[in-house]
Amino acid sequence: MQREAQDEAANILYHASASPNLMIHTSTSLITYIEVFHALSHIRKMTRIK
């Protein structure tokens, strides 16, 4: 799961550097993606404790 996320992020960054006008949109969606991923892992930890 995390490996896929890293590949996805690397792919996004590669395309962003290839086309600079997508840079702002990409960084915004990448931040959102990271926040969602972080939230999911946090939820998973919380459910493991219970």
N, C-alpha and C. Protein backbone atom coordinates (compact mmCIF):
# COMPACT_ATOMS: atom_id res chain seq x y z
N MET A 1 0.84 -1.21 0.00
CA MET A 1 0.00 0.00 0.00
C MET A 1 0.87 1.26 0.00
N GLN A 2 1.83 1.31 0.94
CA GLN A 2 2.69 2.49 1.03
C GLN A 2 3.60 2.59 -0.18
N ARG A 3 4.05 1.43 -0.68
CA ARG A 3 4.89 1.40 -1.88
C ARG A 3 4.14 1.99 -3.07
N GLU A 4 2.87 1.62 -3.21
CA GLU A 4 2.04 2.16 -4.29
C GLU A 4 1.90 3.67 -4.16
N ALA A 5 1.72 4.13 -2.94
CA ALA A 5 1.58 5.57 -2.69
C ALA A 5 2.86 6.31 -3.07
N GLN A 6 4.00 5.72 -2.75
CA GLN A 6 5.29 6.33 -3.09
C GLN A 6 5.48 6.38 -4.60
N ASP A 7 5.12 5.30 -5.29
CA ASP A 7 5.22 5.27 -6.75
C ASP A 7 4.32 6.32 -7.37
N GLU A 8 3.11 6.43 -6.85
CA GLU A 8 2.14 7.42 -7.33
C GLU A 8 2.68 8.83 -7.14
N ALA A 9 3.23 9.10 -5.97
CA ALA A 9 3.78 10.42 -5.67
C ALA A 9 4.95 10.74 -6.60
N ALA A 10 5.83 9.77 -6.82
CA ALA A 10 6.97 9.96 -7.70
C ALA A 10 6.51 10.22 -9.13
N ASN A 11 5.48 9.49 -9.55
CA ASN A 11 4.91 9.66 -10.88
C ASN A 11 4.32 11.06 -11.05
N ILE A 12 3.57 11.51 -10.05
CA ILE A 12 2.98 12.86 -10.06
C ILE A 12 4.07 13.92 -10.15
N LEU A 13 5.11 13.78 -9.32
CA LEU A 13 6.20 14.75 -9.31
C LEU A 13 6.94 14.78 -10.64
N TYR A 14 7.11 13.60 -11.25
CA TYR A 14 7.79 13.51 -12.54
C TYR A 14 7.01 14.28 -13.61
N HIS A 15 5.71 14.05 -13.66
CA HIS A 15 4.86 14.73 -14.65
C HIS A 15 4.81 16.23 -14.38
N ALA A 16 4.84 16.60 -13.10
CA ALA A 16 4.80 18.01 -12.73
C ALA A 16 6.06 18.73 -13.21
N SER A 17 7.21 18.09 -13.05
CA SER A 17 8.46 18.71 -13.48
C SER A 17 8.56 18.74 -15.00
N ALA A 18 7.87 17.78 -15.65
CA ALA A 18 7.87 17.74 -17.11
C ALA A 18 7.02 18.87 -17.69
N SER A 19 5.97 19.27 -16.98
CA SER A 19 5.12 20.36 -17.45
C SER A 19 4.86 21.36 -16.31
N PRO A 20 5.66 22.43 -16.25
CA PRO A 20 5.64 23.38 -15.13
C PRO A 20 4.29 24.06 -14.89
N ASN A 21 3.46 24.23 -15.92
CA ASN A 21 2.18 24.90 -15.72
C ASN A 21 1.20 24.05 -14.92
N LEU A 22 1.48 22.76 -14.77
CA LEU A 22 0.65 21.90 -13.92
C LEU A 22 1.14 21.87 -12.47
N MET A 23 2.26 22.54 -12.24
CA MET A 23 2.95 22.47 -10.95
C MET A 23 2.05 22.82 -9.77
N ILE A 24 1.33 23.93 -9.85
CA ILE A 24 0.48 24.39 -8.75
C ILE A 24 -0.63 23.39 -8.48
N HIS A 25 -1.32 22.98 -9.53
CA HIS A 25 -2.41 22.01 -9.39
C HIS A 25 -1.89 20.70 -8.80
N THR A 26 -0.74 20.26 -9.28
CA THR A 26 -0.17 18.99 -8.83
C THR A 26 0.22 19.03 -7.36
N SER A 27 0.88 20.12 -6.96
CA SER A 27 1.30 20.22 -5.56
C SER A 27 0.09 20.26 -4.63
N THR A 28 -0.97 20.93 -5.07
CA THR A 28 -2.20 20.98 -4.28
C THR A 28 -2.81 19.59 -4.11
N SER A 29 -2.93 18.85 -5.22
CA SER A 29 -3.52 17.52 -5.15
C SER A 29 -2.60 16.54 -4.41
N LEU A 30 -1.29 16.77 -4.52
CA LEU A 30 -0.34 15.92 -3.81
C LEU A 30 -0.45 16.12 -2.30
N ILE A 31 -0.59 17.37 -1.88
CA ILE A 31 -0.77 17.68 -0.46
C ILE A 31 -2.07 17.04 0.05
N THR A 32 -3.14 17.15 -0.72
CA THR A 32 -4.41 16.53 -0.35
C THR A 32 -4.25 15.02 -0.22
N TYR A 33 -3.54 14.43 -1.18
CA TYR A 33 -3.29 12.98 -1.21
C TYR A 33 -2.54 12.55 0.05
N ILE A 34 -1.50 13.32 0.40
CA ILE A 34 -0.70 13.02 1.59
C ILE A 34 -1.55 13.14 2.86
N GLU A 35 -2.38 14.19 2.93
CA GLU A 35 -3.25 14.38 4.09
C GLU A 35 -4.23 13.22 4.25
N VAL A 36 -4.82 12.79 3.15
CA VAL A 36 -5.75 11.66 3.18
C VAL A 36 -5.03 10.38 3.62
N PHE A 37 -3.85 10.15 3.05
CA PHE A 37 -3.06 8.97 3.38
C PHE A 37 -2.68 8.97 4.86
N HIS A 38 -2.28 10.13 5.35
CA HIS A 38 -1.90 10.30 6.76
C HIS A 38 -3.10 10.03 7.67
N ALA A 39 -4.25 10.57 7.29
CA ALA A 39 -5.48 10.37 8.06
C ALA A 39 -5.86 8.90 8.10
N LEU A 40 -5.74 8.21 6.98
CA LEU A 40 -6.07 6.80 6.91
C LEU A 40 -5.17 5.97 7.82
N SER A 41 -3.87 6.25 7.80
CA SER A 41 -2.94 5.50 8.64
C SER A 41 -3.21 5.79 10.12
N HIS A 42 -3.62 7.03 10.43
CA HIS A 42 -3.95 7.40 11.80
C HIS A 42 -5.19 6.64 12.27
N ILE A 43 -6.20 6.57 11.41
CA ILE A 43 -7.43 5.83 11.72
C ILE A 43 -7.11 4.35 11.95
N ARG A 44 -6.21 3.81 11.12
CA ARG A 44 -5.83 2.41 11.24
C ARG A 44 -5.17 2.15 12.59
N LYS A 45 -4.33 3.08 13.05
CA LYS A 45 -3.68 2.95 14.36
C LYS A 45 -4.73 2.99 15.48
N MET A 46 -5.69 3.91 15.36
CA MET A 46 -6.72 4.07 16.38
C MET A 46 -7.56 2.79 16.50
N THR A 47 -7.91 2.19 15.37
CA THR A 47 -8.73 0.98 15.40
C THR A 47 -7.93 -0.21 15.92
N ARG A 48 -6.61 -0.20 15.73
CA ARG A 48 -5.77 -1.28 16.22
C ARG A 48 -5.71 -1.27 17.76
N ILE A 49 -5.74 -0.08 18.34
CA ILE A 49 -5.67 0.06 19.80
C ILE A 49 -6.92 -0.51 20.47
N LYS A 50 -8.08 -0.27 19.88
CA LYS A 50 -9.35 -0.71 20.48
C LYS A 50 -9.51 -2.23 20.50
